[in-house]
Amino acid sequence: ILLAAAVIAGAIGEISDTVVILIIVILNATIGLIQEYRAERAVDALKR
């Protein structure tokens, strides 16, 4: 939904809004990736 909003904002010329939304989306994805990676490492350690 946020990505769709970024596309719409860009289409109507609200470039600053598009940039802000994309930054939020990328930060969210990065945080999610880090959390998933740490959880996977913790499970591996528990298995050992």
All heavy atoms as atom14 arrays in JSON, in Angstrom:
{
  "sequence": "ILLAAAVIAGAIGEISDTVVILIIVILNATIGLIQEYRAERAVDALKR",
  "atom14_mask": [
    [1, 1, 1, 1, 1, 1, 1, 1, 0, 0, 0, 0, 0, 0],
    [1, 1, 1, 1, 1, 1, 1, 1, 0, 0, 0, 0, 0, 0],
    [1, 1, 1, 1, 1, 1, 1, 1, 0, 0, 0, 0, 0, 0],
    [1, 1, 1, 1, 1, 0, 0, 0, 0, 0, 0, 0, 0, 0],
    [1, 1, 1, 1, 1, 0, 0, 0, 0, 0, 0, 0, 0, 0],
    [1, 1, 1, 1, 1, 0, 0, 0, 0, 0, 0, 0, 0, 0],
    [1, 1, 1, 1, 1, 1, 1, 0, 0, 0, 0, 0, 0, 0],
    [1, 1, 1, 1, 1, 1, 1, 1, 0, 0, 0, 0, 0, 0],
    [1, 1, 1, 1, 1, 0, 0, 0, 0, 0, 0, 0, 0, 0],
    [1, 1, 1, 1, 0, 0, 0, 0, 0, 0, 0, 0, 0, 0],
    [1, 1, 1, 1, 1, 0, 0, 0, 0, 0, 0, 0, 0, 0],
    [1, 1, 1, 1, 1, 1, 1, 1, 0, 0, 0, 0, 0, 0],
    [1, 1, 1, 1, 0, 0, 0, 0, 0, 0, 0, 0, 0, 0],
    [1, 1, 1, 1, 1, 1, 1, 1, 1, 0, 0, 0, 0, 0],
    [1, 1, 1, 1, 1, 1, 1, 1, 0, 0, 0, 0, 0, 0],
    [1, 1, 1, 1, 1, 1, 0, 0, 0, 0, 0, 0, 0, 0],
    [1, 1, 1, 1, 1, 1, 1, 1, 0, 0, 0, 0, 0, 0],
    [1, 1, 1, 1, 1, 1, 1, 0, 0, 0, 0, 0, 0, 0],
    [1, 1, 1, 1, 1, 1, 1, 0, 0, 0, 0, 0, 0, 0],
    [1, 1, 1, 1, 1, 1, 1, 0, 0, 0, 0, 0, 0, 0],
    [1, 1, 1, 1, 1, 1, 1, 1, 0, 0, 0, 0, 0, 0],
    [1, 1, 1, 1, 1, 1, 1, 1, 0, 0, 0, 0, 0, 0],
    [1, 1, 1, 1, 1, 1, 1, 1, 0, 0, 0, 0, 0, 0],
    [1, 1, 1, 1, 1, 1, 1, 1, 0, 0, 0, 0, 0, 0],
    [1, 1, 1, 1, 1, 1, 1, 0, 0, 0, 0, 0, 0, 0],
    [1, 1, 1, 1, 1, 1, 1, 1, 0, 0, 0, 0, 0, 0],
    [1, 1, 1, 1, 1, 1, 1, 1, 0, 0, 0, 0, 0, 0],
    [1, 1, 1, 1, 1, 1, 1, 1, 0, 0, 0, 0, 0, 0],
    [1, 1, 1, 1, 1, 0, 0, 0, 0, 0, 0, 0, 0, 0],
    [1, 1, 1, 1, 1, 1, 1, 0, 0, 0, 0, 0, 0, 0],
    [1, 1, 1, 1, 1, 1, 1, 1, 0, 0, 0, 0, 0, 0],
    [1, 1, 1, 1, 0, 0, 0, 0, 0, 0, 0, 0, 0, 0],
    [1, 1, 1, 1, 1, 1, 1, 1, 0, 0, 0, 0, 0, 0],
    [1, 1, 1, 1, 1, 1, 1, 1, 0, 0, 0, 0, 0, 0],
    [1, 1, 1, 1, 1, 1, 1, 1, 1, 0, 0, 0, 0, 0],
    [1, 1, 1, 1, 1, 1, 1, 1, 1, 0, 0, 0, 0, 0],
    [1, 1, 1, 1, 1, 1, 1, 1, 1, 1, 1, 1, 0, 0],
    [1, 1, 1, 1, 1, 1, 1, 1, 1, 1, 1, 0, 0, 0],
    [1, 1, 1, 1, 1, 0, 0, 0, 0, 0, 0, 0, 0, 0],
    [1, 1, 1, 1, 1, 1, 1, 1, 1, 0, 0, 0, 0, 0],
    [1, 1, 1, 1, 1, 1, 1, 1, 1, 1, 1, 0, 0, 0],
    [1, 1, 1, 1, 1, 0, 0, 0, 0, 0, 0, 0, 0, 0],
    [1, 1, 1, 1, 1, 1, 1, 0, 0, 0, 0, 0, 0, 0],
    [1, 1, 1, 1, 1, 1, 1, 1, 0, 0, 0, 0, 0, 0],
    [1, 1, 1, 1, 1, 0, 0, 0, 0, 0, 0, 0, 0, 0],
    [1, 1, 1, 1, 1, 1, 1, 1, 0, 0, 0, 0, 0, 0],
    [1, 1, 1, 1, 1, 1, 1, 1, 1, 0, 0, 0, 0, 0],
    [1, 1, 1, 1, 1, 1, 1, 1, 1, 1, 1, 0, 0, 0]
  ],
  "atom14_positions": [
    [[0.83, -1.2, 0.0], [0.0, 0.0, 0.0], [0.87, 1.26, 0.0], [0.61, 2.23, -0.72], [-0.95, -0.01, 1.22], [-1.99, -1.13, 1.06], [-1.64, 1.34, 1.38], [-2.85, -1.33, 2.28], [0.0, 0.0, 0.0], [0.0, 0.0, 0.0], [0.0, 0.0, 0.0], [0.0, 0.0, 0.0], [0.0, 0.0, 0.0], [0.0, 0.0, 0.0]],
    [[1.94, 1.25, 0.82], [2.84, 2.39, 0.87], [3.54, 2.61, -0.47], [3.73, 3.76, -0.92], [3.87, 2.2, 1.98], [3.34, 2.34, 3.42], [4.42, 1.96, 4.42], [2.87, 3.78, 3.68], [0.0, 0.0, 0.0], [0.0, 0.0, 0.0], [0.0, 0.0, 0.0], [0.0, 0.0, 0.0], [0.0, 0.0, 0.0], [0.0, 0.0, 0.0]],
    [[3.94, 1.52, -1.11], [4.59, 1.63, -2.42], [3.62, 2.21, -3.45], [4.01, 3.04, -4.29], [5.1, 0.26, -2.88], [6.32, -0.29, -2.12], [6.63, -1.71, -2.57], [7.53, 0.61, -2.34], [0.0, 0.0, 0.0], [0.0, 0.0, 0.0], [0.0, 0.0, 0.0], [0.0, 0.0, 0.0], [0.0, 0.0, 0.0], [0.0, 0.0, 0.0]],
    [[2.36, 1.78, -3.37], [1.36, 2.34, -4.28], [1.18, 3.83, -4.03], [1.05, 4.63, -4.98], [0.03, 1.59, -4.1], [0.0, 0.0, 0.0], [0.0, 0.0, 0.0], [0.0, 0.0, 0.0], [0.0, 0.0, 0.0], [0.0, 0.0, 0.0], [0.0, 0.0, 0.0], [0.0, 0.0, 0.0], [0.0, 0.0, 0.0], [0.0, 0.0, 0.0]],
    [[1.18, 4.19, -2.74], [1.05, 5.61, -2.4], [2.23, 6.42, -2.93], [2.08, 7.56, -3.4], [0.93, 5.77, -0.89], [0.0, 0.0, 0.0], [0.0, 0.0, 0.0], [0.0, 0.0, 0.0], [0.0, 0.0, 0.0], [0.0, 0.0, 0.0], [0.0, 0.0, 0.0], [0.0, 0.0, 0.0], [0.0, 0.0, 0.0], [0.0, 0.0, 0.0]],
    [[3.43, 5.83, -2.88], [4.62, 6.5, -3.39], [4.52, 6.72, -4.89], [4.9, 7.8, -5.4], [5.87, 5.67, -3.06], [0.0, 0.0, 0.0], [0.0, 0.0, 0.0], [0.0, 0.0, 0.0], [0.0, 0.0, 0.0], [0.0, 0.0, 0.0], [0.0, 0.0, 0.0], [0.0, 0.0, 0.0], [0.0, 0.0, 0.0], [0.0, 0.0, 0.0]],
    [[4.0, 5.73, -5.6], [3.84, 5.86, -7.05], [2.83, 6.96, -7.38], [3.06, 7.8, -8.27], [3.37, 4.51, -7.65], [3.0, 4.7, -9.13], [4.48, 3.47, -7.51], [0.0, 0.0, 0.0], [0.0, 0.0, 0.0], [0.0, 0.0, 0.0], [0.0, 0.0, 0.0], [0.0, 0.0, 0.0], [0.0, 0.0, 0.0], [0.0, 0.0, 0.0]],
    [[1.72, 6.97, -6.65], [0.69, 8.0, -6.88], [1.24, 9.39, -6.58], [1.02, 10.35, -7.34], [-0.55, 7.7, -6.02], [-1.21, 6.39, -6.49], [-1.55, 8.85, -6.1], [-2.33, 5.91, -5.6], [0.0, 0.0, 0.0], [0.0, 0.0, 0.0], [0.0, 0.0, 0.0], [0.0, 0.0, 0.0], [0.0, 0.0, 0.0], [0.0, 0.0, 0.0]],
    [[1.97, 9.5, -5.46], [2.55, 10.79, -5.09], [3.52, 11.27, -6.16], [3.55, 12.47, -6.5], [3.25, 10.69, -3.74], [0.0, 0.0, 0.0], [0.0, 0.0, 0.0], [0.0, 0.0, 0.0], [0.0, 0.0, 0.0], [0.0, 0.0, 0.0], [0.0, 0.0, 0.0], [0.0, 0.0, 0.0], [0.0, 0.0, 0.0], [0.0, 0.0, 0.0]],
    [[4.31, 10.36, -6.69], [5.24, 10.73, -7.75], [4.52, 11.14, -9.01], [4.95, 12.07, -9.72], [0.0, 0.0, 0.0], [0.0, 0.0, 0.0], [0.0, 0.0, 0.0], [0.0, 0.0, 0.0], [0.0, 0.0, 0.0], [0.0, 0.0, 0.0], [0.0, 0.0, 0.0], [0.0, 0.0, 0.0], [0.0, 0.0, 0.0], [0.0, 0.0, 0.0]],
    [[3.41, 10.46, -9.3], [2.66, 10.75, -10.53], [2.03, 12.13, -10.5], [1.86, 12.78, -11.55], [1.58, 9.68, -10.73], [0.0, 0.0, 0.0], [0.0, 0.0, 0.0], [0.0, 0.0, 0.0], [0.0, 0.0, 0.0], [0.0, 0.0, 0.0], [0.0, 0.0, 0.0], [0.0, 0.0, 0.0], [0.0, 0.0, 0.0], [0.0, 0.0, 0.0]],
    [[1.68, 12.6, -9.31], [1.05, 13.92, -9.22], [2.06, 15.02, -8.86], [1.69, 16.14, -8.52], [-0.1, 13.91, -8.18], [0.43, 13.62, -6.78], [-1.17, 12.91, -8.58], [-0.65, 13.7, -5.69], [0.0, 0.0, 0.0], [0.0, 0.0, 0.0], [0.0, 0.0, 0.0], [0.0, 0.0, 0.0], [0.0, 0.0, 0.0], [0.0, 0.0, 0.0]],
    [[3.34, 14.66, -8.88], [4.38, 15.66, -8.69], [4.85, 15.87, -7.28], [5.66, 16.78, -7.03], [0.0, 0.0, 0.0], [0.0, 0.0, 0.0], [0.0, 0.0, 0.0], [0.0, 0.0, 0.0], [0.0, 0.0, 0.0], [0.0, 0.0, 0.0], [0.0, 0.0, 0.0], [0.0, 0.0, 0.0], [0.0, 0.0, 0.0], [0.0, 0.0, 0.0]],
    [[4.37, 15.08, -6.34], [4.8, 15.21, -4.95], [6.05, 14.36, -4.7], [6.02, 13.33, -4.05], [3.67, 14.77, -4.01], [2.41, 15.59, -4.13], [2.59, 17.02, -3.63], [3.56, 17.26, -2.86], [1.79, 17.89, -4.0], [0.0, 0.0, 0.0], [0.0, 0.0, 0.0], [0.0, 0.0, 0.0], [0.0, 0.0, 0.0], [0.0, 0.0, 0.0]],
    [[7.14, 14.81, -5.27], [8.38, 14.02, -5.23], [8.89, 13.85, -3.8], [9.37, 12.78, -3.41], [9.47, 14.69, -6.09], [8.97, 14.86, -7.53], [10.75, 13.84, -6.06], [8.58, 13.55, -8.2], [0.0, 0.0, 0.0], [0.0, 0.0, 0.0], [0.0, 0.0, 0.0], [0.0, 0.0, 0.0], [0.0, 0.0, 0.0], [0.0, 0.0, 0.0]],
    [[8.78, 14.9, -2.99], [9.28, 14.81, -1.61], [8.52, 13.74, -0.83], [9.12, 12.99, -0.05], [9.15, 16.18, -0.92], [7.78, 16.6, -0.88], [0.0, 0.0, 0.0], [0.0, 0.0, 0.0], [0.0, 0.0, 0.0], [0.0, 0.0, 0.0], [0.0, 0.0, 0.0], [0.0, 0.0, 0.0], [0.0, 0.0, 0.0], [0.0, 0.0, 0.0]],
    [[7.2, 13.66, -1.04], [6.41, 12.62, -0.38], [6.84, 11.24, -0.84], [6.93, 10.3, -0.04], [4.92, 12.82, -0.67], [4.34, 14.03, 0.06], [5.04, 14.55, 0.96], [3.22, 14.45, -0.28], [0.0, 0.0, 0.0], [0.0, 0.0, 0.0], [0.0, 0.0, 0.0], [0.0, 0.0, 0.0], [0.0, 0.0, 0.0], [0.0, 0.0, 0.0]],
    [[7.11, 11.1, -2.12], [7.55, 9.81, -2.67], [8.86, 9.37, -2.02], [9.02, 8.21, -1.62], [7.75, 9.92, -4.2], [6.51, 10.25, -4.8], [8.25, 8.59, -4.76], [0.0, 0.0, 0.0], [0.0, 0.0, 0.0], [0.0, 0.0, 0.0], [0.0, 0.0, 0.0], [0.0, 0.0, 0.0], [0.0, 0.0, 0.0], [0.0, 0.0, 0.0]],
    [[9.81, 10.31, -1.9], [11.11, 9.99, -1.31], [10.95, 9.57, 0.15], [11.55, 8.59, 0.6], [12.06, 11.19, -1.42], [13.34, 10.93, -0.62], [12.39, 11.47, -2.88], [0.0, 0.0, 0.0], [0.0, 0.0, 0.0], [0.0, 0.0, 0.0], [0.0, 0.0, 0.0], [0.0, 0.0, 0.0], [0.0, 0.0, 0.0], [0.0, 0.0, 0.0]],
    [[10.14, 10.3, 0.9], [9.93, 9.99, 2.31], [9.33, 8.59, 2.47], [9.77, 7.78, 3.31], [9.02, 11.04, 2.98], [8.59, 10.58, 4.38], [9.73, 12.37, 3.07], [0.0, 0.0, 0.0], [0.0, 0.0, 0.0], [0.0, 0.0, 0.0], [0.0, 0.0, 0.0], [0.0, 0.0, 0.0], [0.0, 0.0, 0.0], [0.0, 0.0, 0.0]],
    [[8.31, 8.3, 1.66], [7.66, 6.98, 1.74], [8.65, 5.86, 1.41], [8.71, 4.84, 2.09], [6.44, 6.92, 0.8], [5.34, 7.87, 1.29], [5.89, 5.49, 0.73], [4.17, 8.01, 0.33], [0.0, 0.0, 0.0], [0.0, 0.0, 0.0], [0.0, 0.0, 0.0], [0.0, 0.0, 0.0], [0.0, 0.0, 0.0], [0.0, 0.0, 0.0]],
    [[9.45, 6.07, 0.36], [10.42, 5.04, -0.03], [11.47, 4.82, 1.05], [11.9, 3.69, 1.3], [11.09, 5.43, -1.35], [10.18, 5.36, -2.6], [10.94, 5.85, -3.82], [9.67, 3.93, -2.81], [0.0, 0.0, 0.0], [0.0, 0.0, 0.0], [0.0, 0.0, 0.0], [0.0, 0.0, 0.0], [0.0, 0.0, 0.0], [0.0, 0.0, 0.0]],
    [[11.9, 5.91, 1.69], [12.88, 5.77, 2.79], [12.28, 4.95, 3.92], [12.93, 4.06, 4.48], [13.32, 7.16, 3.28], [14.18, 7.85, 2.22], [14.1, 7.03, 4.6], [14.53, 9.28, 2.57], [0.0, 0.0, 0.0], [0.0, 0.0, 0.0], [0.0, 0.0, 0.0], [0.0, 0.0, 0.0], [0.0, 0.0, 0.0], [0.0, 0.0, 0.0]],
    [[11.02, 5.24, 4.27], [10.34, 4.5, 5.34], [10.24, 3.02, 4.97], [10.5, 2.13, 5.79], [8.94, 5.09, 5.6], [9.07, 6.48, 6.22], [8.14, 4.17, 6.52], [7.75, 7.21, 6.34], [0.0, 0.0, 0.0], [0.0, 0.0, 0.0], [0.0, 0.0, 0.0], [0.0, 0.0, 0.0], [0.0, 0.0, 0.0], [0.0, 0.0, 0.0]],
    [[9.86, 2.74, 3.73], [9.71, 1.35, 3.28], [11.03, 0.61, 3.34], [11.12, -0.53, 3.82], [9.13, 1.31, 1.85], [9.23, -0.09, 1.27], [7.67, 1.76, 1.86], [0.0, 0.0, 0.0], [0.0, 0.0, 0.0], [0.0, 0.0, 0.0], [0.0, 0.0, 0.0], [0.0, 0.0, 0.0], [0.0, 0.0, 0.0], [0.0, 0.0, 0.0]],
    [[12.09, 1.24, 2.86], [13.41, 0.58, 2.85], [13.92, 0.35, 4.27], [14.47, -0.71, 4.58], [14.41, 1.42, 2.03], [14.01, 1.4, 0.55], [15.83, 0.88, 2.21], [14.82, 2.35, -0.31], [0.0, 0.0, 0.0], [0.0, 0.0, 0.0], [0.0, 0.0, 0.0], [0.0, 0.0, 0.0], [0.0, 0.0, 0.0], [0.0, 0.0, 0.0]],
    [[13.74, 1.35, 5.15], [14.14, 1.18, 6.55], [13.37, 0.03, 7.2], [13.95, -0.78, 7.93], [13.91, 2.48, 7.33], [14.93, 3.6, 7.13], [14.49, 4.86, 7.86], [16.31, 3.16, 7.61], [0.0, 0.0, 0.0], [0.0, 0.0, 0.0], [0.0, 0.0, 0.0], [0.0, 0.0, 0.0], [0.0, 0.0, 0.0], [0.0, 0.0, 0.0]],
    [[12.09, -0.04, 6.94], [11.27, -1.11, 7.5], [11.76, -2.48, 7.02], [11.85, -3.43, 7.81], [9.81, -0.9, 7.1], [8.89, -1.97, 7.67], [8.52, -1.94, 8.83], [8.53, -2.94, 6.84], [0.0, 0.0, 0.0], [0.0, 0.0, 0.0], [0.0, 0.0, 0.0], [0.0, 0.0, 0.0], [0.0, 0.0, 0.0], [0.0, 0.0, 0.0]],
    [[12.06, -2.58, 5.73], [12.54, -3.85, 5.17], [13.89, -4.23, 5.77], [14.15, -5.4, 6.06], [12.64, -3.75, 3.66], [0.0, 0.0, 0.0], [0.0, 0.0, 0.0], [0.0, 0.0, 0.0], [0.0, 0.0, 0.0], [0.0, 0.0, 0.0], [0.0, 0.0, 0.0], [0.0, 0.0, 0.0], [0.0, 0.0, 0.0], [0.0, 0.0, 0.0]],
    [[14.76, -3.23, 5.95], [16.09, -3.49, 6.52], [15.98, -3.98, 7.96], [16.65, -4.95, 8.35], [16.95, -2.22, 6.47], [17.05, -1.78, 5.11], [18.34, -2.48, 7.01], [0.0, 0.0, 0.0], [0.0, 0.0, 0.0], [0.0, 0.0, 0.0], [0.0, 0.0, 0.0], [0.0, 0.0, 0.0], [0.0, 0.0, 0.0], [0.0, 0.0, 0.0]],
    [[15.13, -3.32, 8.75], [14.94, -3.74, 10.14], [14.36, -5.15, 10.2], [14.79, -5.98, 10.99], [14.03, -2.75, 10.88], [14.73, -1.39, 11.03], [13.63, -3.29, 12.25], [13.83, -0.29, 11.55], [0.0, 0.0, 0.0], [0.0, 0.0, 0.0], [0.0, 0.0, 0.0], [0.0, 0.0, 0.0], [0.0, 0.0, 0.0], [0.0, 0.0, 0.0]],
    [[13.39, -5.44, 9.34], [12.8, -6.79, 9.3], [13.82, -7.84, 8.93], [13.83, -8.94, 9.5], [0.0, 0.0, 0.0], [0.0, 0.0, 0.0], [0.0, 0.0, 0.0], [0.0, 0.0, 0.0], [0.0, 0.0, 0.0], [0.0, 0.0, 0.0], [0.0, 0.0, 0.0], [0.0, 0.0, 0.0], [0.0, 0.0, 0.0], [0.0, 0.0, 0.0]],
    [[14.7, -7.51, 7.96], [15.75, -8.44, 7.56], [16.71, -8.73, 8.7], [17.07, -9.88, 8.95], [16.5, -7.86, 6.36], [17.71, -8.67, 5.87], [17.26, -10.03, 5.35], [18.45, -7.9, 4.77], [0.0, 0.0, 0.0], [0.0, 0.0, 0.0], [0.0, 0.0, 0.0], [0.0, 0.0, 0.0], [0.0, 0.0, 0.0], [0.0, 0.0, 0.0]],
    [[17.12, -7.7, 9.41], [18.05, -7.87, 10.53], [17.43, -8.72, 11.63], [18.07, -9.64, 12.17], [18.46, -6.49, 11.1], [19.31, -5.73, 10.08], [19.23, -6.66, 12.41], [19.59, -4.29, 10.47], [0.0, 0.0, 0.0], [0.0, 0.0, 0.0], [0.0, 0.0, 0.0], [0.0, 0.0, 0.0], [0.0, 0.0, 0.0], [0.0, 0.0, 0.0]],
    [[16.17, -8.48, 11.94], [15.49, -9.26, 12.98], [15.37, -10.73, 12.58], [15.59, -11.62, 13.39], [14.1, -8.67, 13.25], [14.14, -7.32, 13.95], [12.76, -6.73, 14.13], [11.84, -7.01, 13.37], [12.6, -5.89, 15.16], [0.0, 0.0, 0.0], [0.0, 0.0, 0.0], [0.0, 0.0, 0.0], [0.0, 0.0, 0.0], [0.0, 0.0, 0.0]],
    [[15.03, -10.98, 11.32], [14.91, -12.36, 10.84], [16.25, -13.08, 10.87], [16.34, -14.24, 11.26], [14.34, -12.36, 9.42], [14.06, -13.75, 8.87], [13.4, -13.72, 7.5], [12.93, -12.64, 7.08], [13.36, -14.78, 6.84], [0.0, 0.0, 0.0], [0.0, 0.0, 0.0], [0.0, 0.0, 0.0], [0.0, 0.0, 0.0], [0.0, 0.0, 0.0]],
    [[17.31, -12.37, 10.48], [18.65, -12.95, 10.47], [19.09, -13.31, 11.89], [19.62, -14.4, 12.14], [19.63, -11.97, 9.84], [21.07, -12.44, 9.85], [21.5, -13.44, 8.98], [21.99, -11.87, 10.73], [22.81, -13.87, 8.98], [23.3, -12.3, 10.74], [23.71, -13.29, 9.87], [25.02, -13.71, 9.89], [0.0, 0.0, 0.0], [0.0, 0.0, 0.0]],
    [[18.86, -12.39, 12.84], [19.24, -12.66, 14.23], [18.44, -13.83, 14.81], [18.99, -14.65, 15.55], [19.03, -11.4, 15.07], [20.06, -10.31, 14.81], [19.79, -9.07, 15.64], [20.84, -8.07, 15.49], [20.79, -6.85, 16.02], [19.72, -6.48, 16.74], [21.78, -6.01, 15.84], [0.0, 0.0, 0.0], [0.0, 0.0, 0.0], [0.0, 0.0, 0.0]],
    [[17.16, -13.9, 14.49], [16.34, -15.01, 14.98], [16.84, -16.34, 14.43], [16.89, -17.35, 15.16], [14.88, -14.78, 14.59], [0.0, 0.0, 0.0], [0.0, 0.0, 0.0], [0.0, 0.0, 0.0], [0.0, 0.0, 0.0], [0.0, 0.0, 0.0], [0.0, 0.0, 0.0], [0.0, 0.0, 0.0], [0.0, 0.0, 0.0], [0.0, 0.0, 0.0]],
    [[17.24, -16.35, 13.18], [17.75, -17.57, 12.55], [19.05, -18.01, 13.21], [19.26, -19.2, 13.46], [17.96, -17.31, 11.06], [18.12, -18.56, 10.22], [18.15, -18.24, 8.74], [19.22, -17.8, 8.24], [17.11, -18.41, 8.08], [0.0, 0.0, 0.0], [0.0, 0.0, 0.0], [0.0, 0.0, 0.0], [0.0, 0.0, 0.0], [0.0, 0.0, 0.0]],
    [[19.92, -17.06, 13.49], [21.18, -17.38, 14.16], [20.92, -17.92, 15.57], [21.61, -18.84, 16.03], [22.05, -16.11, 14.24], [22.58, -15.63, 12.91], [23.7, -16.51, 12.38], [24.84, -16.52, 13.29], [25.84, -15.63, 13.24], [25.81, -14.65, 12.34], [26.85, -15.72, 14.08], [0.0, 0.0, 0.0], [0.0, 0.0, 0.0], [0.0, 0.0, 0.0]],
    [[19.95, -17.36, 16.27], [19.63, -17.82, 17.62], [19.11, -19.25, 17.61], [19.48, -20.07, 18.47], [18.59, -16.9, 18.26], [0.0, 0.0, 0.0], [0.0, 0.0, 0.0], [0.0, 0.0, 0.0], [0.0, 0.0, 0.0], [0.0, 0.0, 0.0], [0.0, 0.0, 0.0], [0.0, 0.0, 0.0], [0.0, 0.0, 0.0], [0.0, 0.0, 0.0]],
    [[18.28, -19.56, 16.63], [17.76, -20.93, 16.5], [18.9, -21.9, 16.2], [18.96, -23.0, 16.75], [16.69, -20.99, 15.39], [16.33, -22.45, 15.08], [15.45, -20.22, 15.82], [0.0, 0.0, 0.0], [0.0, 0.0, 0.0], [0.0, 0.0, 0.0], [0.0, 0.0, 0.0], [0.0, 0.0, 0.0], [0.0, 0.0, 0.0], [0.0, 0.0, 0.0]],
    [[19.82, -21.52, 15.33], [20.97, -22.37, 15.01], [21.81, -22.65, 16.26], [22.25, -23.78, 16.49], [21.84, -21.71, 13.94], [21.19, -21.73, 12.57], [20.25, -22.52, 12.39], [21.61, -20.94, 11.71], [0.0, 0.0, 0.0], [0.0, 0.0, 0.0], [0.0, 0.0, 0.0], [0.0, 0.0, 0.0], [0.0, 0.0, 0.0], [0.0, 0.0, 0.0]],
    [[22.03, -21.62, 17.06], [22.82, -21.78, 18.28], [22.12, -22.71, 19.26], [22.75, -23.56, 19.9], [23.06, -20.42, 18.93], [0.0, 0.0, 0.0], [0.0, 0.0, 0.0], [0.0, 0.0, 0.0], [0.0, 0.0, 0.0], [0.0, 0.0, 0.0], [0.0, 0.0, 0.0], [0.0, 0.0, 0.0], [0.0, 0.0, 0.0], [0.0, 0.0, 0.0]],
    [[20.79, -22.59, 19.35], [20.02, -23.46, 20.24], [20.1, -24.91, 19.79], [20.23, -25.82, 20.61], [18.57, -22.98, 20.28], [17.64, -23.73, 21.24], [18.14, -23.6, 22.67], [16.22, -23.19, 21.12], [0.0, 0.0, 0.0], [0.0, 0.0, 0.0], [0.0, 0.0, 0.0], [0.0, 0.0, 0.0], [0.0, 0.0, 0.0], [0.0, 0.0, 0.0]],
    [[20.05, -25.12, 18.48], [20.15, -26.48, 17.95], [21.5, -27.11, 18.31], [21.58, -28.27, 18.67], [19.97, -26.46, 16.43], [18.54, -26.28, 15.97], [18.45, -26.32, 14.46], [17.02, -26.16, 13.98], [16.93, -26.16, 12.49], [0.0, 0.0, 0.0], [0.0, 0.0, 0.0], [0.0, 0.0, 0.0], [0.0, 0.0, 0.0], [0.0, 0.0, 0.0]],
    [[22.57, -26.31, 18.19], [23.89, -26.84, 18.51], [24.0, -27.18, 20.0], [24.63, -28.17, 20.37], [24.97, -25.82, 18.12], [25.16, -25.67, 16.62], [26.44, -24.9, 16.31], [26.36, -23.53, 16.79], [25.89, -22.51, 16.07], [25.45, -22.71, 14.86], [25.86, -21.28, 16.58], [0.0, 0.0, 0.0], [0.0, 0.0, 0.0], [0.0, 0.0, 0.0]]
  ]
}
